[in-house]
Amino acid sequence: MPDGNALVDDLAARIREKIMSGEIPIGAPLRQAELAEAFGISRTPVREALRQLQSGGLIEVVPNRGAVVRVPVPWEVREVYEIRAELEALAARRSVERLDPPKIAELRAVNDRMYQRSLAAAAAGTTGSPFANNDGSNDAFHTLVYEASGNTRLARMLAEINDAFPRNVSALVLIDNPRHRDENFAEHRELVDALEAGDADKAANIMRSHVLSAGNHLAHWYERRSSTVFTGGPLLATGLLAAPRATTSLGAARRAGRVSWLNRPAFWPRRRSTTRGKSPSTPHPARGTRCQPGSFSTSGGRPPRQRG
């Protein structure tokens, strides 16, 4: 039986794995009682594991809902992919002299497999599903380049960056967007050609442009879904999750940063009047004259201060 800290670390890793694979989708609630029952443990280590994941930015605590899987914002995705693009360009440049023919053939085979599986998933109608077929081919392709760079620290940094967002979303983006899927396959093929030809500059430039393009597509995907959350479906059968409630109250939406008084929907009420519950007129504090709210006395009373 592992000690308390080891149990919490192991539990946090298991929950994280389910989030990164898409088994627990973005926006889904993480209820302590359900997680404790699913893993066969008490609530205390579950609570500590969720705190650990919250400190890492993978989940967040939302008022009236508790812990939920955090939905990345588009600007955050673009920032991360900007860093990733430069590091992967360096990895591609370094790997030119280290990739032998068997590794080049493996890169081509992985790219072909990823493309064919994306086509099959799209044809099967799994577009937009959190359970889209993600066999990790895209990650495997890039990992081969990382490893061939011969720089362990560089490969470790890139692996940590890739863990910033759930990996199944990248597969969803490829399935959802046929044009991006074809471009992704073609860019991988051009990269392998440059690596095989020993052109370090071309390989680095292709990799940089490829990663930046992927980041933009991913940011757009999150942007289109930033105002929605997962609404249930087959995942409920796992016993790990319950369907989240939609955020419909004005206060909750404002706290979530989704609405302001300038863009509120028509069915939400306007701000309450500050004179609600008061008498129709109030005595002027200085002269005793009676003024209607929002006006001033014409018999010498001082007008309200004009604001710029």
Protein backbone atom coordinates (compact mmCIF):
# COMPACT_ATOMS: atom_id res chain seq x y z
CA MET A 1 0.00 0.00 0.00
CA PRO A 2 1.66 3.30 -1.02
CA ASP A 3 2.00 6.07 1.52
CA GLY A 4 -0.21 9.16 1.46
CA ASN A 5 1.95 11.30 -0.83
CA ALA A 6 2.62 8.45 -3.25
CA LEU A 7 -1.09 7.64 -3.37
CA VAL A 8 -1.98 11.25 -4.18
CA ASP A 9 0.71 11.45 -6.87
CA ASP A 10 -0.43 8.19 -8.43
CA LEU A 11 -4.08 9.26 -8.37
CA ALA A 12 -3.28 12.66 -9.89
CA ALA A 13 -1.33 10.91 -12.66
CA ARG A 14 -4.24 8.56 -13.39
CA ILE A 15 -6.77 11.39 -13.54
CA ARG A 16 -4.40 13.42 -15.69
CA GLU A 17 -4.01 10.50 -18.10
CA LYS A 18 -7.79 10.26 -18.50
CA ILE A 19 -7.98 14.01 -19.18
CA MET A 20 -5.10 14.02 -21.67
CA SER A 21 -6.56 11.06 -23.57
CA GLY A 22 -9.99 12.69 -23.75
CA GLU A 23 -11.75 10.06 -21.65
CA ILE A 24 -12.57 12.94 -19.33
CA PRO A 25 -13.25 15.82 -21.76
CA ILE A 26 -12.65 19.53 -21.37
CA GLY A 27 -15.36 21.27 -19.35
CA ALA A 28 -16.40 18.08 -17.56
CA PRO A 29 -16.95 18.22 -13.77
CA LEU A 30 -14.70 16.25 -11.44
CA ARG A 31 -16.82 15.32 -8.43
CA GLN A 32 -14.90 13.97 -5.46
CA ALA A 33 -17.50 11.38 -4.46
CA GLU A 34 -17.69 9.87 -7.94
CA LEU A 35 -13.92 9.78 -8.38
CA ALA A 36 -13.46 8.21 -4.95
CA GLU A 37 -15.98 5.50 -5.79
CA ALA A 38 -14.47 4.88 -9.23
CA PHE A 39 -10.94 4.46 -7.86
CA GLY A 40 -12.01 2.66 -4.67
CA ILE A 41 -10.46 5.14 -2.24
CA SER A 42 -11.55 7.80 0.21
CA ARG A 43 -12.28 11.41 -0.70
CA THR A 44 -9.19 12.82 1.06
CA PRO A 45 -6.58 11.69 -1.52
CA VAL A 46 -9.00 12.63 -4.31
CA ARG A 47 -9.25 16.15 -2.93
CA GLU A 48 -5.46 16.45 -2.68
CA ALA A 49 -5.00 15.06 -6.20
CA LEU A 50 -7.44 17.62 -7.59
CA ARG A 51 -5.55 20.40 -5.80
CA GLN A 52 -2.35 19.14 -7.41
CA LEU A 53 -3.95 19.19 -10.86
CA GLN A 54 -5.39 22.65 -10.19
CA SER A 55 -1.96 24.03 -9.30
CA GLY A 56 -0.69 22.61 -12.59
CA GLY A 57 -3.41 24.46 -14.53
CA LEU A 58 -5.14 21.35 -15.86
CA ILE A 59 -8.35 21.88 -13.90
CA GLU A 60 -10.04 24.88 -12.31
CA VAL A 61 -12.64 25.49 -9.62
CA VAL A 62 -15.77 27.18 -10.97
CA PRO A 63 -18.34 28.78 -8.61
CA ASN A 64 -21.44 26.62 -8.11
CA ARG A 65 -19.89 23.76 -10.08
CA GLY A 66 -16.70 22.78 -8.29
CA ALA A 67 -13.67 21.32 -10.05
CA VAL A 68 -13.90 21.02 -13.85
CA VAL A 69 -11.40 20.24 -16.60
CA ARG A 70 -10.09 23.59 -17.70
CA VAL A 71 -10.82 24.81 -21.23
CA PRO A 72 -7.67 26.49 -22.64
CA VAL A 73 -8.12 29.97 -24.07
CA PRO A 74 -6.99 30.67 -27.66
CA TRP A 75 -4.23 33.16 -26.81
CA GLU A 76 -2.72 30.64 -24.41
CA VAL A 77 -2.63 27.99 -27.13
CA ARG A 78 -0.91 30.37 -29.56
CA GLU A 79 1.71 31.34 -26.97
CA VAL A 80 2.57 27.72 -26.22
CA TYR A 81 2.77 26.79 -29.89
CA GLU A 82 5.00 29.78 -30.62
CA ILE A 83 7.52 28.36 -28.15
CA ARG A 84 7.01 24.83 -29.43
CA ALA A 85 7.62 25.94 -33.04
CA GLU A 86 11.09 27.28 -32.24
CA LEU A 87 12.07 24.24 -30.19
CA GLU A 88 10.82 21.78 -32.81
CA ALA A 89 12.65 23.70 -35.54
CA LEU A 90 15.83 23.23 -33.51
CA ALA A 91 15.06 19.53 -33.10
CA ALA A 92 14.52 19.16 -36.85
CA ARG A 93 17.78 20.96 -37.62
CA ARG A 94 19.75 18.75 -35.22
CA SER A 95 18.14 15.52 -36.42
CA VAL A 96 19.22 15.96 -40.06
CA GLU A 97 22.62 14.36 -39.46
CA ARG A 98 21.30 11.70 -37.08
CA LEU A 99 18.37 10.14 -38.94
CA ASP A 100 19.35 6.92 -40.72
CA PRO A 101 17.32 5.31 -43.55
CA PRO A 102 15.33 3.01 -41.22
CA LYS A 103 14.20 6.01 -39.15
CA ILE A 104 13.27 7.92 -42.30
CA ALA A 105 11.17 4.96 -43.41
CA GLU A 106 9.56 4.82 -39.97
CA LEU A 107 8.64 8.51 -40.17
CA ARG A 108 6.95 7.95 -43.52
CA ALA A 109 5.07 4.91 -42.23
CA VAL A 110 3.82 6.75 -39.12
CA ASN A 111 2.67 9.71 -41.23
CA ASP A 112 0.79 7.43 -43.64
CA ARG A 113 -0.87 5.58 -40.76
CA MET A 114 -1.98 8.82 -39.09
CA TYR A 115 -3.50 10.09 -42.34
CA GLN A 116 -5.35 6.88 -43.12
CA ARG A 117 -6.78 6.63 -39.60
CA SER A 118 -7.94 10.23 -39.70
CA LEU A 119 -9.71 9.54 -42.97
CA ALA A 120 -11.33 6.42 -41.52
CA ALA A 121 -12.47 8.25 -38.40
CA ALA A 122 -13.99 11.06 -40.47
CA ALA A 123 -15.75 8.55 -42.72
CA ALA A 124 -17.10 6.71 -39.67
CA GLY A 125 -18.82 9.89 -38.51
CA THR A 126 -16.81 10.47 -35.33
CA THR A 127 -16.30 14.15 -36.20
CA GLY A 128 -16.59 16.28 -33.07
CA SER A 129 -16.74 13.26 -30.76
CA PRO A 130 -14.52 13.24 -27.66
CA PHE A 131 -13.87 9.59 -28.48
CA ALA A 132 -12.35 10.24 -31.91
CA ASN A 133 -9.77 7.62 -32.85
CA ASN A 134 -6.52 9.02 -31.50
CA ASP A 135 -3.84 6.34 -31.77
CA GLY A 136 -1.04 8.80 -31.07
CA SER A 137 0.41 8.68 -34.60
CA ASN A 138 0.88 12.45 -34.78
CA ASP A 139 2.67 12.50 -31.44
CA ALA A 140 4.76 9.50 -32.49
CA PHE A 141 5.88 11.31 -35.65
CA HIS A 142 7.09 14.35 -33.74
CA THR A 143 8.61 12.25 -30.96
CA LEU A 144 10.81 10.47 -33.51
CA VAL A 145 12.20 13.85 -34.55
CA TYR A 146 12.74 14.86 -30.90
CA GLU A 147 14.65 11.68 -30.15
CA ALA A 148 16.75 11.98 -33.29
CA SER A 149 17.90 15.44 -32.22
CA GLY A 150 20.27 13.85 -29.73
CA ASN A 151 19.40 16.44 -27.07
CA THR A 152 17.71 14.86 -24.06
CA ARG A 153 16.83 18.17 -22.41
CA LEU A 154 15.27 19.48 -25.61
CA ALA A 155 13.17 16.33 -26.00
CA ARG A 156 12.03 16.57 -22.37
CA MET A 157 11.05 20.24 -22.73
CA LEU A 158 9.00 19.47 -25.83
CA ALA A 159 7.28 16.56 -24.09
CA GLU A 160 6.29 18.85 -21.22
CA ILE A 161 4.96 21.49 -23.63
CA ASN A 162 2.87 18.89 -25.45
CA ASP A 163 1.28 17.91 -22.15
CA ALA A 164 -0.10 21.43 -21.74
CA PHE A 165 -3.31 20.47 -23.58
CA PRO A 166 -5.33 17.25 -23.98
CA ARG A 167 -3.79 15.30 -26.83
CA ASN A 168 -7.07 13.94 -28.21
CA VAL A 169 -8.05 17.47 -29.26
CA SER A 170 -5.31 17.52 -31.91
CA ALA A 171 -6.84 14.38 -33.42
CA LEU A 172 -10.29 15.99 -33.31
CA VAL A 173 -8.98 19.02 -35.19
CA LEU A 174 -7.59 16.81 -37.96
CA ILE A 175 -10.87 14.90 -38.23
CA ASP A 176 -13.05 18.02 -38.13
CA ASN A 177 -11.10 19.89 -40.82
CA PRO A 178 -10.38 17.92 -44.03
CA ARG A 179 -8.27 20.72 -45.49
CA HIS A 180 -6.09 20.90 -42.38
CA ARG A 181 -5.79 17.10 -42.39
CA ASP A 182 -4.45 17.12 -45.97
CA GLU A 183 -2.11 20.03 -45.24
CA ASN A 184 -0.79 18.31 -42.13
CA PHE A 185 -0.01 15.13 -44.08
CA ALA A 186 1.68 17.07 -46.89
CA GLU A 187 3.78 19.15 -44.46
CA HIS A 188 4.98 16.00 -42.70
CA ARG A 189 5.93 14.50 -46.05
CA GLU A 190 7.85 17.64 -47.06
CA LEU A 191 9.65 17.59 -43.73
CA VAL A 192 10.73 13.98 -44.19
CA ASP A 193 11.96 14.80 -47.71
CA ALA A 194 14.07 17.67 -46.34
CA LEU A 195 15.45 15.46 -43.55
CA GLU A 196 16.33 12.74 -46.02
CA ALA A 197 18.03 15.27 -48.32
CA GLY A 198 20.11 16.61 -45.42
CA ASP A 199 18.81 20.18 -45.81
CA ALA A 200 18.86 21.45 -42.21
CA ASP A 201 17.63 24.97 -42.98
CA LYS A 202 14.68 23.75 -45.03
CA ALA A 203 13.75 21.14 -42.42
CA ALA A 204 13.80 23.74 -39.65
CA ASN A 205 11.67 26.20 -41.66
CA ILE A 206 9.11 23.56 -42.59
CA MET A 207 8.82 22.36 -39.00
CA ARG A 208 8.43 25.90 -37.67
CA SER A 209 5.68 26.79 -40.14
CA HIS A 210 3.98 23.44 -39.57
CA VAL A 211 3.78 23.84 -35.79
CA LEU A 212 2.58 27.45 -36.00
CA SER A 213 -0.16 26.40 -38.42
CA ALA A 214 -1.21 23.57 -36.13
CA GLY A 215 -1.35 25.99 -33.20
CA ASN A 216 -3.62 28.36 -35.11
CA HIS A 217 -6.00 25.54 -36.03
CA LEU A 218 -6.06 24.34 -32.43
CA ALA A 219 -6.70 27.86 -31.12
CA HIS A 220 -9.61 28.28 -33.54
CA TRP A 221 -11.03 24.94 -32.40
CA TYR A 222 -10.96 26.05 -28.74
CA GLU A 223 -12.34 29.46 -29.69
CA ARG A 224 -15.38 27.89 -31.34
CA ARG A 225 -16.02 25.78 -28.26
CA SER A 226 -15.02 28.17 -25.49
CA SER A 227 -18.66 29.02 -24.65
CA THR A 228 -19.82 25.40 -24.48
CA VAL A 229 -19.01 22.43 -22.28
CA PHE A 230 -19.38 18.71 -22.60
CA THR A 231 -23.02 17.72 -22.17
CA GLY A 232 -22.80 14.06 -21.34
CA GLY A 233 -23.09 11.14 -23.73
CA PRO A 234 -21.42 7.73 -23.58
CA LEU A 235 -18.85 8.95 -21.03
CA LEU A 236 -21.51 8.93 -18.33
CA ALA A 237 -21.51 5.14 -18.45
CA THR A 238 -17.97 5.05 -17.06
CA GLY A 239 -19.22 6.18 -13.67
CA LEU A 240 -16.48 8.80 -13.46
CA LEU A 241 -18.56 11.76 -14.57
CA ALA A 242 -21.97 13.31 -14.45
CA ALA A 243 -23.32 15.72 -17.03
CA PRO A 244 -22.38 19.33 -16.17
CA ARG A 245 -25.06 21.92 -15.85
CA ALA A 246 -25.15 24.68 -18.43
CA THR A 247 -24.13 28.09 -17.20
CA THR A 248 -27.30 30.16 -17.59
CA SER A 249 -27.28 32.49 -14.62
CA LEU A 250 -26.02 35.97 -15.20
CA GLY A 251 -23.77 35.98 -12.16
CA ALA A 252 -22.09 32.70 -13.10
CA ALA A 253 -21.59 33.79 -16.69
CA ARG A 254 -20.09 37.12 -15.63
CA ARG A 255 -17.72 35.38 -13.21
CA ALA A 256 -16.68 33.07 -16.04
CA GLY A 257 -15.92 36.13 -18.19
CA ARG A 258 -18.44 35.15 -20.84
CA VAL A 259 -20.74 38.14 -20.66
CA SER A 260 -20.68 41.80 -19.71
CA TRP A 261 -23.43 44.36 -19.39
CA LEU A 262 -22.64 45.47 -22.92
CA ASN A 263 -23.20 42.11 -24.58
CA ARG A 264 -25.76 40.46 -22.28
CA PRO A 265 -28.52 38.40 -23.92
CA ALA A 266 -31.92 40.03 -24.15
CA PHE A 267 -33.54 37.64 -21.69
CA TRP A 268 -31.25 38.67 -18.85
CA PRO A 269 -32.48 41.56 -16.66
CA ARG A 270 -30.98 44.99 -16.69
CA ARG A 271 -29.16 46.39 -13.71
CA ARG A 272 -31.49 47.17 -10.85
CA SER A 273 -32.39 50.78 -10.23
CA THR A 274 -30.76 52.37 -7.21
CA THR A 275 -34.07 54.03 -6.33
CA ARG A 276 -35.98 50.78 -6.11
CA GLY A 277 -38.08 50.65 -2.95
CA LYS A 278 -37.81 54.40 -2.32
CA SER A 279 -40.62 56.92 -2.43
CA PRO A 280 -41.29 58.62 -5.79
CA SER A 281 -39.74 61.81 -4.51
CA THR A 282 -37.25 62.64 -1.80
CA PRO A 283 -36.70 65.88 0.08
CA HIS A 284 -33.78 68.00 -1.00
CA PRO A 285 -31.25 67.79 1.85
CA ALA A 286 -30.40 71.50 1.76
CA ARG A 287 -33.61 73.44 0.92
CA GLY A 288 -36.39 71.04 1.73
CA THR A 289 -37.73 71.11 -1.82
CA ARG A 290 -38.94 67.85 -3.31
CA CYS A 291 -37.05 66.55 -6.34
CA GLN A 292 -37.92 63.69 -8.63
CA PRO A 293 -35.16 61.08 -8.91
CA GLY A 294 -32.93 61.84 -11.85
CA SER A 295 -33.79 65.58 -11.86
CA PHE A 296 -32.93 68.66 -9.79
CA SER A 297 -34.92 71.49 -8.33
CA THR A 298 -35.35 74.63 -10.44
CA SER A 299 -35.89 76.70 -7.33
CA GLY A 300 -32.25 77.11 -6.44
CA GLY A 301 -31.26 73.56 -5.66
CA ARG A 302 -27.78 72.54 -6.73
CA PRO A 303 -27.76 70.31 -9.85
CA PRO A 304 -25.99 66.98 -9.65
CA ARG A 305 -22.32 66.85 -10.60
CA GLN A 306 -21.79 66.27 -14.28
CA ARG A 307 -19.48 63.40 -15.05
CA GLY A 308 -17.17 63.44 -18.01
